[in-house]
C-alpha atoms as a PDB file:
ATOM      1  CA  MET A   1      47.007  92.861 -35.312  1.00  0.00           C
ATOM      2  CA  ALA A   2      45.226  89.671 -34.105  1.00  0.00           C
ATOM      3  CA  SER A   3      46.621  87.235 -31.829  1.00  0.00           C
ATOM      4  CA  ASP A   4      46.736  84.461 -34.283  1.00  0.00           C
ATOM      5  CA  GLU A   5      48.577  86.900 -36.798  1.00  0.00           C
ATOM      6  CA  LEU A   6      51.020  87.808 -34.136  1.00  0.00           C
ATOM      7  CA  GLU A   7      51.728  84.126 -33.439  1.00  0.00           C
ATOM      8  CA  THR A   8      52.089  83.266 -37.219  1.00  0.00           C
ATOM      9  CA  SER A   9      54.605  86.182 -37.468  1.00  0.00           C
ATOM     10  CA  CYS A  10      56.548  84.760 -34.660  1.00  0.00           C
ATOM     11  CA  LYS A  11      56.617  81.024 -36.317  1.00  0.00           C
ATOM     12  CA  ALA A  12      57.098  82.561 -39.545  1.00  0.00           C
ATOM     13  CA  GLU A  13      60.516  84.218 -38.755  1.00  0.00           C
ATOM     14  CA  THR A  14      62.053  81.345 -36.822  1.00  0.00           C
ATOM     15  CA  GLY A  15      60.113  78.203 -38.224  1.00  0.00           C
ATOM     16  CA  LYS A  16      58.724  77.288 -34.830  1.00  0.00           C
ATOM     17  CA  SER A  17      57.054  78.981 -31.780  1.00  0.00           C
ATOM     18  CA  ALA A  18      59.492  81.347 -30.211  1.00  0.00           C
ATOM     19  CA  ALA A  19      61.611  79.842 -27.327  1.00  0.00           C
ATOM     20  CA  PRO A  20      62.545  81.947 -24.529  1.00  0.00           C
ATOM     21  CA  ALA A  21      66.053  82.359 -25.807  1.00  0.00           C
ATOM     22  CA  ASP A  22      64.969  83.748 -29.054  1.00  0.00           C
ATOM     23  CA  SER A  23      61.811  85.323 -27.622  1.00  0.00           C
ATOM     24  CA  LYS A  24      59.552  88.031 -29.699  1.00  0.00           C
ATOM     25  CA  ARG A  25      59.584  91.537 -28.122  1.00  0.00           C
ATOM     26  CA  LEU A  26      56.549  93.587 -28.414  1.00  0.00           C
ATOM     27  CA  ARG A  27      56.945  97.035 -27.336  1.00  0.00           C
ATOM     28  CA  SER A  28      53.915  99.341 -26.773  1.00  0.00           C
ATOM     29  CA  LEU A  29      54.619 103.081 -26.539  1.00  0.00           C
ATOM     30  CA  GLY A  30      52.101 105.399 -24.663  1.00  0.00           C
ATOM     31  CA  GLY A  31      50.505 104.693 -21.328  1.00  0.00           C
ATOM     32  CA  GLY A  32      47.380 106.703 -21.896  1.00  0.00           C
ATOM     33  CA  PHE A  33      44.039 105.047 -22.729  1.00  0.00           C
ATOM     34  CA  GLY A  34      45.168 103.470 -25.895  1.00  0.00           C
ATOM     35  CA  GLY A  35      48.218 102.082 -24.695  1.00  0.00           C
ATOM     36  CA  MET A  36      46.855 100.989 -21.456  1.00  0.00           C
ATOM     37  CA  TYR A  37      43.996  99.177 -22.959  1.00  0.00           C
ATOM     38  CA  ALA A  38      46.463  97.668 -25.705  1.00  0.00           C
ATOM     39  CA  ALA A  39      48.460  96.348 -22.694  1.00  0.00           C
ATOM     40  CA  LEU A  40      45.404  95.003 -21.050  1.00  0.00           C
ATOM     41  CA  TRP A  41      44.220  93.265 -24.437  1.00  0.00           C
ATOM     42  CA  LEU A  42      47.872  91.915 -24.502  1.00  0.00           C
ATOM     43  CA  GLU A  43      47.954  90.752 -21.013  1.00  0.00           C
ATOM     44  CA  LYS A  44      44.713  88.598 -21.529  1.00  0.00           C
ATOM     45  CA  VAL A  45      45.319  87.291 -24.976  1.00  0.00           C
ATOM     46  CA  LEU A  46      49.212  87.218 -25.506  1.00  0.00           C
ATOM     47  CA  ALA A  47      51.426  87.772 -22.487  1.00  0.00           C
ATOM     48  CA  GLY A  48      51.113  84.294 -21.110  1.00  0.00           C
ATOM     49  CA  ARG A  49      52.494  82.875 -24.123  1.00  0.00           C
ATOM     50  CA  ASP A  50      56.104  81.347 -24.087  1.00  0.00           C
ATOM     51  CA  GLY A  51      58.489  83.457 -26.022  1.00  0.00           C
ATOM     52  CA  LEU A  52      56.646  86.721 -25.986  1.00  0.00           C
ATOM     53  CA  GLU A  53      57.873  89.435 -23.975  1.00  0.00           C
ATOM     54  CA  VAL A  54      55.592  92.362 -23.815  1.00  0.00           C
ATOM     55  CA  THR A  55      56.775  95.784 -22.503  1.00  0.00           C
ATOM     56  CA  LEU A  56      54.537  98.976 -22.135  1.00  0.00           C
ATOM     57  CA  ILE A  57      56.839 102.064 -22.182  1.00  0.00           C
ATOM     58  CA  THR A  58      55.264 105.137 -20.799  1.00  0.00           C
ATOM     59  CA  ARG A  59      56.397 108.364 -19.162  1.00  0.00           C
ATOM     60  CA  GLU A  60      54.279 108.019 -16.023  1.00  0.00           C
ATOM     61  CA  ASN A  61      54.033 104.680 -13.522  1.00  0.00           C
ATOM     62  CA  TYR A  62      50.094 105.323 -13.610  1.00  0.00           C
ATOM     63  CA  LEU A  63      47.027 106.025 -15.817  1.00  0.00           C
ATOM     64  CA  LEU A  64      45.083 109.250 -14.766  1.00  0.00           C
ATOM     65  CA  PHE A  65      41.359 109.444 -15.805  1.00  0.00           C
ATOM     66  CA  SER A  66      41.845 113.166 -16.579  1.00  0.00           C
ATOM     67  CA  PRO A  67      38.060 113.652 -17.284  1.00  0.00           C
ATOM     68  CA  MET A  68      37.468 113.454 -13.567  1.00  0.00           C
ATOM     69  CA  LEU A  69      39.968 116.113 -12.729  1.00  0.00           C
ATOM     70  CA  ALA A  70      37.348 118.749 -12.047  1.00  0.00           C
ATOM     71  CA  GLU A  71      35.659 116.656  -9.614  1.00  0.00           C
ATOM     72  CA  VAL A  72      38.900 116.204  -7.583  1.00  0.00           C
ATOM     73  CA  ALA A  73      39.569 119.850  -7.625  1.00  0.00           C
ATOM     74  CA  ALA A  74      35.992 120.355  -6.334  1.00  0.00           C
ATOM     75  CA  ASP A  75      36.791 117.821  -3.470  1.00  0.00           C
ATOM     76  CA  GLU A  76      33.889 115.704  -4.673  1.00  0.00           C
ATOM     77  CA  LEU A  77      36.334 112.588  -5.464  1.00  0.00           C
ATOM     78  CA  GLU A  78      39.489 111.569  -3.763  1.00  0.00           C
ATOM     79  CA  GLN A  79      42.520 111.565  -5.706  1.00  0.00           C
ATOM     80  CA  ASN A  80      43.247 107.650  -5.807  1.00  0.00           C
ATOM     81  CA  THR A  81      39.788 107.069  -7.888  1.00  0.00           C
ATOM     82  CA  ILE A  82      41.278 108.725 -10.908  1.00  0.00           C
ATOM     83  CA  VAL A  83      44.787 107.340 -10.468  1.00  0.00           C
ATOM     84  CA  ASN A  84      45.534 103.740 -11.423  1.00  0.00           C
ATOM     85  CA  PRO A  85      49.108 102.371 -11.133  1.00  0.00           C
ATOM     86  CA  LEU A  86      50.292 100.269 -13.868  1.00  0.00           C
ATOM     87  CA  ARG A  87      51.451  97.556 -11.665  1.00  0.00           C
ATOM     88  CA  LYS A  88      48.473  97.071 -10.068  1.00  0.00           C
ATOM     89  CA  ARG A  89      46.378  96.495 -13.482  1.00  0.00           C
ATOM     90  CA  LEU A  90      49.294  94.756 -15.336  1.00  0.00           C
ATOM     91  CA  ARG A  91      50.638  91.301 -13.899  1.00  0.00           C
ATOM     92  CA  ARG A  92      52.381  89.938 -16.879  1.00  0.00           C
ATOM     93  CA  VAL A  93      53.109  92.981 -19.067  1.00  0.00           C
ATOM     94  CA  LYS A  94      56.249  94.415 -18.258  1.00  0.00           C
ATOM     95  CA  SER A  95      56.308  98.331 -17.803  1.00  0.00           C
ATOM     96  CA  PHE A  96      59.152 100.602 -18.616  1.00  0.00           C
ATOM     97  CA  VAL A  97      58.879 104.274 -17.342  1.00  0.00           C
ATOM     98  CA  GLY A  98      60.629 106.873 -19.320  1.00  0.00           C
ATOM     99  CA  THR A  99      60.684 109.338 -21.931  1.00  0.00           C
ATOM    100  CA  ILE A 100      60.659 108.189 -25.607  1.00  0.00           C
ATOM    101  CA  GLU A 101      63.517 110.061 -27.107  1.00  0.00           C
ATOM    102  CA  GLU A 102      63.674 108.121 -30.611  1.00  0.00           C
ATOM    103  CA  ILE A 103      62.248 105.301 -32.716  1.00  0.00           C
ATOM    104  CA  ASN A 104      64.650 103.858 -34.999  1.00  0.00           C
ATOM    105  CA  LEU A 105      62.728 101.656 -37.571  1.00  0.00           C
ATOM    106  CA  ASP A 106      65.716 100.636 -39.424  1.00  0.00           C
ATOM    107  CA  VAL A 107      67.488  99.259 -36.473  1.00  0.00           C
ATOM    108  CA  ARG A 108      64.225  98.402 -34.620  1.00  0.00           C
ATOM    109  CA  HIS A 109      65.017  99.974 -31.375  1.00  0.00           C
ATOM    110  CA  VAL A 110      63.272 102.641 -29.111  1.00  0.00           C
ATOM    111  CA  LEU A 111      65.517 105.168 -27.326  1.00  0.00           C
ATOM    112  CA  VAL A 112      64.323 105.959 -23.827  1.00  0.00           C
ATOM    113  CA  SER A 113      65.655 108.115 -21.135  1.00  0.00           C
ATOM    114  CA  HIS A 114      65.230 107.027 -17.695  1.00  0.00           C
ATOM    115  CA  GLY A 115      65.917 109.313 -14.863  1.00  0.00           C
ATOM    116  CA  PHE A 116      69.437 109.778 -13.940  1.00  0.00           C
ATOM    117  CA  ASP A 117      70.238 106.274 -15.864  1.00  0.00           C
ATOM    118  CA  GLY A 118      70.731 108.122 -19.033  1.00  0.00           C
ATOM    119  CA  GLN A 119      69.223 106.566 -22.149  1.00  0.00           C
ATOM    120  CA  HIS A 120      68.342 102.858 -22.994  1.00  0.00           C
ATOM    121  CA  GLU A 121      67.993 101.130 -26.193  1.00  0.00           C
ATOM    122  CA  LEU A 122      64.926  98.854 -26.059  1.00  0.00           C
ATOM    123  CA  PRO A 123      65.092  96.743 -29.158  1.00  0.00           C
ATOM    124  CA  TYR A 124      61.742  95.398 -30.495  1.00  0.00           C
ATOM    125  CA  ASP A 125      60.417  92.840 -33.027  1.00  0.00           C
ATOM    126  CA  GLN A 126      56.881  94.186 -33.011  1.00  0.00           C
ATOM    127  CA  LEU A 127      55.717  97.914 -32.089  1.00  0.00           C
ATOM    128  CA  ILE A 128      52.459  99.432 -31.117  1.00  0.00           C
ATOM    129  CA  LEU A 129      52.420 103.313 -31.235  1.00  0.00           C
ATOM    130  CA  ALA A 130      49.762 104.666 -28.996  1.00  0.00           C
ATOM    131  CA  LEU A 131      51.470 108.018 -28.003  1.00  0.00           C
ATOM    132  CA  GLY A 132      48.104 110.017 -27.559  1.00  0.00           C
ATOM    133  CA  SER A 133      47.539 113.364 -27.748  1.00  0.00           C
ATOM    134  CA  GLY A 134      48.393 116.452 -25.241  1.00  0.00           C
ATOM    135  CA  THR A 135      45.716 117.971 -23.174  1.00  0.00           C
ATOM    136  CA  SER A 136      45.063 121.677 -23.741  1.00  0.00           C
ATOM    137  CA  PHE A 137      43.375 123.958 -21.295  1.00  0.00           C
ATOM    138  CA  PHE A 138      43.366 126.889 -23.508  1.00  0.00           C
ATOM    139  CA  TRP A 139      40.788 127.719 -26.086  1.00  0.00           C
ATOM    140  CA  SER A 140      42.799 128.771 -28.948  1.00  0.00           C
ATOM    141  CA  SER A 141      46.435 130.309 -29.823  1.00  0.00           C
ATOM    142  CA  ARG A 142      45.092 133.603 -29.472  1.00  0.00           C
ATOM    143  CA  CYS A 143      44.084 133.073 -25.832  1.00  0.00           C
ATOM    144  CA  ARG A 144      47.169 131.174 -24.738  1.00  0.00           C
ATOM    145  CA  ASP A 145      49.720 133.545 -25.875  1.00  0.00           C
ATOM    146  CA  GLY A 146      50.334 135.976 -22.785  1.00  0.00           C
ATOM    147  CA  MET A 147      46.958 135.029 -21.053  1.00  0.00           C
ATOM    148  CA  PRO A 148      47.533 136.223 -17.524  1.00  0.00           C
ATOM    149  CA  GLY A 149      44.132 135.361 -16.249  1.00  0.00           C
ATOM    150  CA  ALA A 150      40.380 134.376 -16.714  1.00  0.00           C
ATOM    151  CA  GLN A 151      39.316 137.780 -16.834  1.00  0.00           C
ATOM    152  CA  ASP A 152      41.538 138.618 -19.406  1.00  0.00           C
ATOM    153  CA  ALA A 153      40.211 135.706 -21.507  1.00  0.00           C
ATOM    154  CA  GLN A 154      36.712 136.963 -21.038  1.00  0.00           C
ATOM    155  CA  ARG A 155      37.808 140.749 -22.003  1.00  0.00           C
ATOM    156  CA  ARG A 156      39.427 139.265 -25.426  1.00  0.00           C
ATOM    157  CA  GLY A 157      36.379 137.317 -25.986  1.00  0.00           C
ATOM    158  CA  CYS A 158      37.997 133.922 -26.084  1.00  0.00           C
ATOM    159  CA  HIS A 159      34.976 132.211 -24.346  1.00  0.00           C
ATOM    160  CA  SER A 160      33.155 132.489 -27.524  1.00  0.00           C
ATOM    161  CA  GLN A 161      35.548 130.481 -29.770  1.00  0.00           C
ATOM    162  CA  SER A 162      32.716 127.833 -30.427  1.00  0.00           C
ATOM    163  CA  ALA A 163      30.939 130.824 -32.096  1.00  0.00           C
ATOM    164  CA  HIS A 164      33.883 131.577 -34.479  1.00  0.00           C
ATOM    165  CA  HIS A 165      33.645 127.604 -35.338  1.00  0.00           C
ATOM    166  CA  SER A 166      30.165 127.679 -36.273  1.00  0.00           C
ATOM    167  CA  SER A 167      29.973 130.403 -38.570  1.00  0.00           C
END
Protein backbone atom coordinates (compact mmCIF):
# COMPACT_ATOMS: atom_id res chain seq x y z
CA MET A 1 0.00 0.00 0.00
CA ALA A 2 1.43 3.38 -1.00
CA SER A 3 1.83 6.10 1.61
CA ASP A 4 -0.85 8.25 -0.08
CA GLU A 5 -3.29 5.31 0.02
CA LEU A 6 -2.64 4.79 3.74
CA GLU A 7 -3.19 8.49 4.46
CA THR A 8 -6.40 8.38 2.41
CA SER A 9 -7.50 5.32 4.37
CA CYS A 10 -6.86 7.17 7.65
CA LYS A 11 -8.87 10.19 6.46
CA ALA A 12 -11.73 8.09 5.07
CA GLU A 13 -12.60 6.53 8.42
CA THR A 14 -12.45 9.71 10.49
CA GLY A 15 -13.18 12.42 7.93
CA LYS A 16 -9.88 14.12 8.82
CA SER A 17 -6.27 13.26 9.45
CA ALA A 18 -5.96 11.03 12.48
CA ALA A 19 -5.19 12.91 15.68
CA PRO A 20 -3.12 11.35 18.49
CA ALA A 21 -6.26 10.45 20.45
CA ASP A 22 -7.63 8.38 17.57
CA SER A 23 -4.34 7.38 15.94
CA LYS A 24 -4.17 4.60 13.38
CA ARG A 25 -2.22 1.54 14.44
CA LEU A 26 -0.17 -0.17 11.76
CA ARG A 27 1.37 -3.48 12.85
CA SER A 28 4.05 -5.24 10.84
CA LEU A 29 4.46 -8.91 11.72
CA GLY A 30 7.88 -10.49 11.25
CA GLY A 31 11.39 -9.18 11.81
CA GLY A 32 13.21 -10.89 8.95
CA PHE A 33 14.30 -9.20 5.74
CA GLY A 34 10.73 -8.47 4.55
CA GLY A 35 9.53 -7.15 7.91
CA MET A 36 12.67 -5.13 8.54
CA TYR A 37 12.68 -3.47 5.13
CA ALA A 38 8.95 -2.73 5.42
CA ALA A 39 9.65 -1.10 8.81
CA LEU A 40 12.55 0.90 7.36
CA TRP A 41 10.31 2.11 4.51
CA LEU A 42 7.56 3.02 6.98
CA GLU A 43 10.11 4.78 9.15
CA LYS A 44 11.20 6.88 6.22
CA VAL A 45 7.79 7.62 4.69
CA LEU A 46 5.10 7.34 7.36
CA ALA A 47 6.33 7.08 10.93
CA GLY A 48 6.89 10.80 11.37
CA ARG A 49 3.25 11.61 10.65
CA ASP A 50 0.99 12.58 13.50
CA GLY A 51 -1.72 10.06 14.26
CA LEU A 52 0.07 6.97 13.01
CA GLU A 53 1.57 4.39 15.36
CA VAL A 54 3.82 1.86 13.61
CA THR A 55 4.96 -1.27 15.46
CA LEU A 56 7.18 -4.11 14.25
CA ILE A 57 6.24 -7.34 16.05
CA THR A 58 9.00 -9.91 15.94
CA ARG A 59 10.36 -12.92 17.78
CA GLU A 60 13.90 -11.53 18.10
CA ASN A 61 15.20 -8.04 18.90
CA TYR A 62 17.74 -8.23 16.07
CA LEU A 63 18.02 -8.99 12.36
CA LEU A 64 20.39 -11.85 11.56
CA PHE A 65 22.01 -11.84 8.14
CA SER A 66 22.01 -15.63 7.89
CA PRO A 67 23.75 -15.92 4.48
CA MET A 68 26.99 -14.96 6.25
CA LEU A 69 26.76 -17.52 9.10
CA ALA A 70 29.34 -19.77 7.45
CA GLU A 71 31.90 -16.96 7.49
CA VAL A 72 31.31 -16.37 11.19
CA ALA A 73 31.59 -20.11 11.90
CA ALA A 74 34.88 -20.18 9.95
CA ASP A 75 36.08 -17.21 12.04
CA GLU A 76 36.41 -15.01 8.96
CA LEU A 77 33.91 -12.44 10.27
CA GLU A 78 33.00 -11.14 13.69
CA GLN A 79 29.50 -12.02 14.93
CA ASN A 80 28.53 -8.35 15.27
CA THR A 81 28.91 -7.85 11.50
CA ILE A 82 25.88 -10.06 10.75
CA VAL A 83 23.63 -9.15 13.70
CA ASN A 84 21.81 -5.80 13.59
CA PRO A 85 19.85 -4.74 16.70
CA LEU A 86 16.39 -3.41 15.78
CA ARG A 87 16.66 -0.38 18.05
CA LYS A 88 19.84 0.66 16.28
CA ARG A 89 18.10 0.70 12.87
CA LEU A 90 14.60 1.86 13.86
CA ARG A 91 14.24 5.26 15.50
CA ARG A 92 10.53 6.02 15.08
CA VAL A 93 9.01 2.57 14.47
CA LYS A 94 8.32 0.80 17.76
CA SER A 95 9.31 -2.81 18.20
CA PHE A 96 7.51 -5.45 20.25
CA VAL A 97 9.45 -8.65 20.87
CA GLY A 98 7.31 -11.74 21.32
CA THR A 99 5.86 -14.81 19.67
CA ILE A 100 2.83 -14.27 17.46
CA GLU A 101 0.20 -16.73 18.68
CA GLU A 102 -2.90 -15.64 16.78
CA ILE A 103 -4.18 -13.11 14.26
CA ASN A 104 -7.87 -12.37 14.74
CA LEU A 105 -9.15 -10.67 11.59
CA ASP A 106 -12.67 -10.20 12.93
CA VAL A 107 -11.66 -8.32 16.07
CA ARG A 108 -8.55 -6.85 14.39
CA HIS A 109 -5.97 -7.76 16.96
CA VAL A 110 -2.81 -9.83 17.15
CA LEU A 111 -2.22 -12.06 20.17
CA VAL A 112 1.46 -12.05 21.17
CA SER A 113 3.11 -13.95 24.01
CA HIS A 114 6.00 -12.14 25.62
CA GLY A 115 8.30 -13.88 28.08
CA PHE A 116 6.78 -14.28 31.51
CA ASP A 117 4.33 -11.40 30.98
CA GLY A 118 1.77 -13.71 29.46
CA GLN A 119 -0.14 -12.75 26.35
CA HIS A 120 -0.86 -9.31 24.93
CA GLU A 121 -3.67 -8.36 22.55
CA LEU A 122 -2.34 -5.72 20.19
CA PRO A 123 -5.12 -4.04 18.19
CA TYR A 124 -4.48 -2.85 14.64
CA ASP A 125 -6.07 -0.83 11.87
CA GLN A 126 -3.63 -1.90 9.14
CA LEU A 127 -1.59 -5.12 9.10
CA ILE A 128 1.53 -6.15 7.20
CA LEU A 129 2.31 -9.87 7.08
CA ALA A 130 6.03 -10.47 6.57
CA LEU A 131 6.39 -13.69 8.53
CA GLY A 132 8.97 -15.16 6.16
CA SER A 133 10.04 -18.76 6.14
CA GLY A 134 12.15 -21.15 8.15
CA THR A 135 15.71 -22.09 7.35
CA SER A 136 16.37 -25.74 6.65
CA PHE A 137 19.84 -27.16 6.89
CA PHE A 138 18.72 -30.58 5.67
CA TRP A 139 18.41 -31.66 2.07
CA SER A 140 15.16 -33.63 2.26
CA SER A 141 12.80 -35.32 4.69
CA ARG A 142 14.48 -38.62 3.80
CA CYS A 143 17.75 -37.26 5.15
CA ARG A 144 16.31 -35.33 8.07
CA ASP A 145 14.53 -38.27 9.70
CA GLY A 146 17.02 -40.02 11.95
CA MET A 147 20.14 -38.47 10.47
CA PRO A 148 22.93 -38.85 13.04
CA GLY A 149 25.75 -37.26 11.01
CA ALA A 150 27.22 -36.13 7.73
CA GLN A 151 28.79 -39.53 6.97
CA ASP A 152 25.37 -41.13 7.24
CA ALA A 153 23.96 -38.50 4.84
CA GLN A 154 26.61 -39.35 2.28
CA ARG A 155 26.01 -43.07 2.73
CA ARG A 156 22.28 -42.56 2.06
CA GLY A 157 23.00 -40.57 -1.08
CA CYS A 158 21.32 -37.42 0.18
CA HIS A 159 24.12 -35.26 -1.19
CA SER A 160 22.75 -35.94 -4.67
CA GLN A 161 19.26 -34.57 -4.15
CA SER A 162 19.83 -32.03 -6.91
CA ALA A 163 20.26 -34.95 -9.33
CA HIS A 164 16.84 -36.28 -8.29
CA HIS A 165 15.21 -32.91 -9.02
CA SER A 166 16.85 -32.48 -12.42
CA SER A 167 15.60 -35.80 -13.78
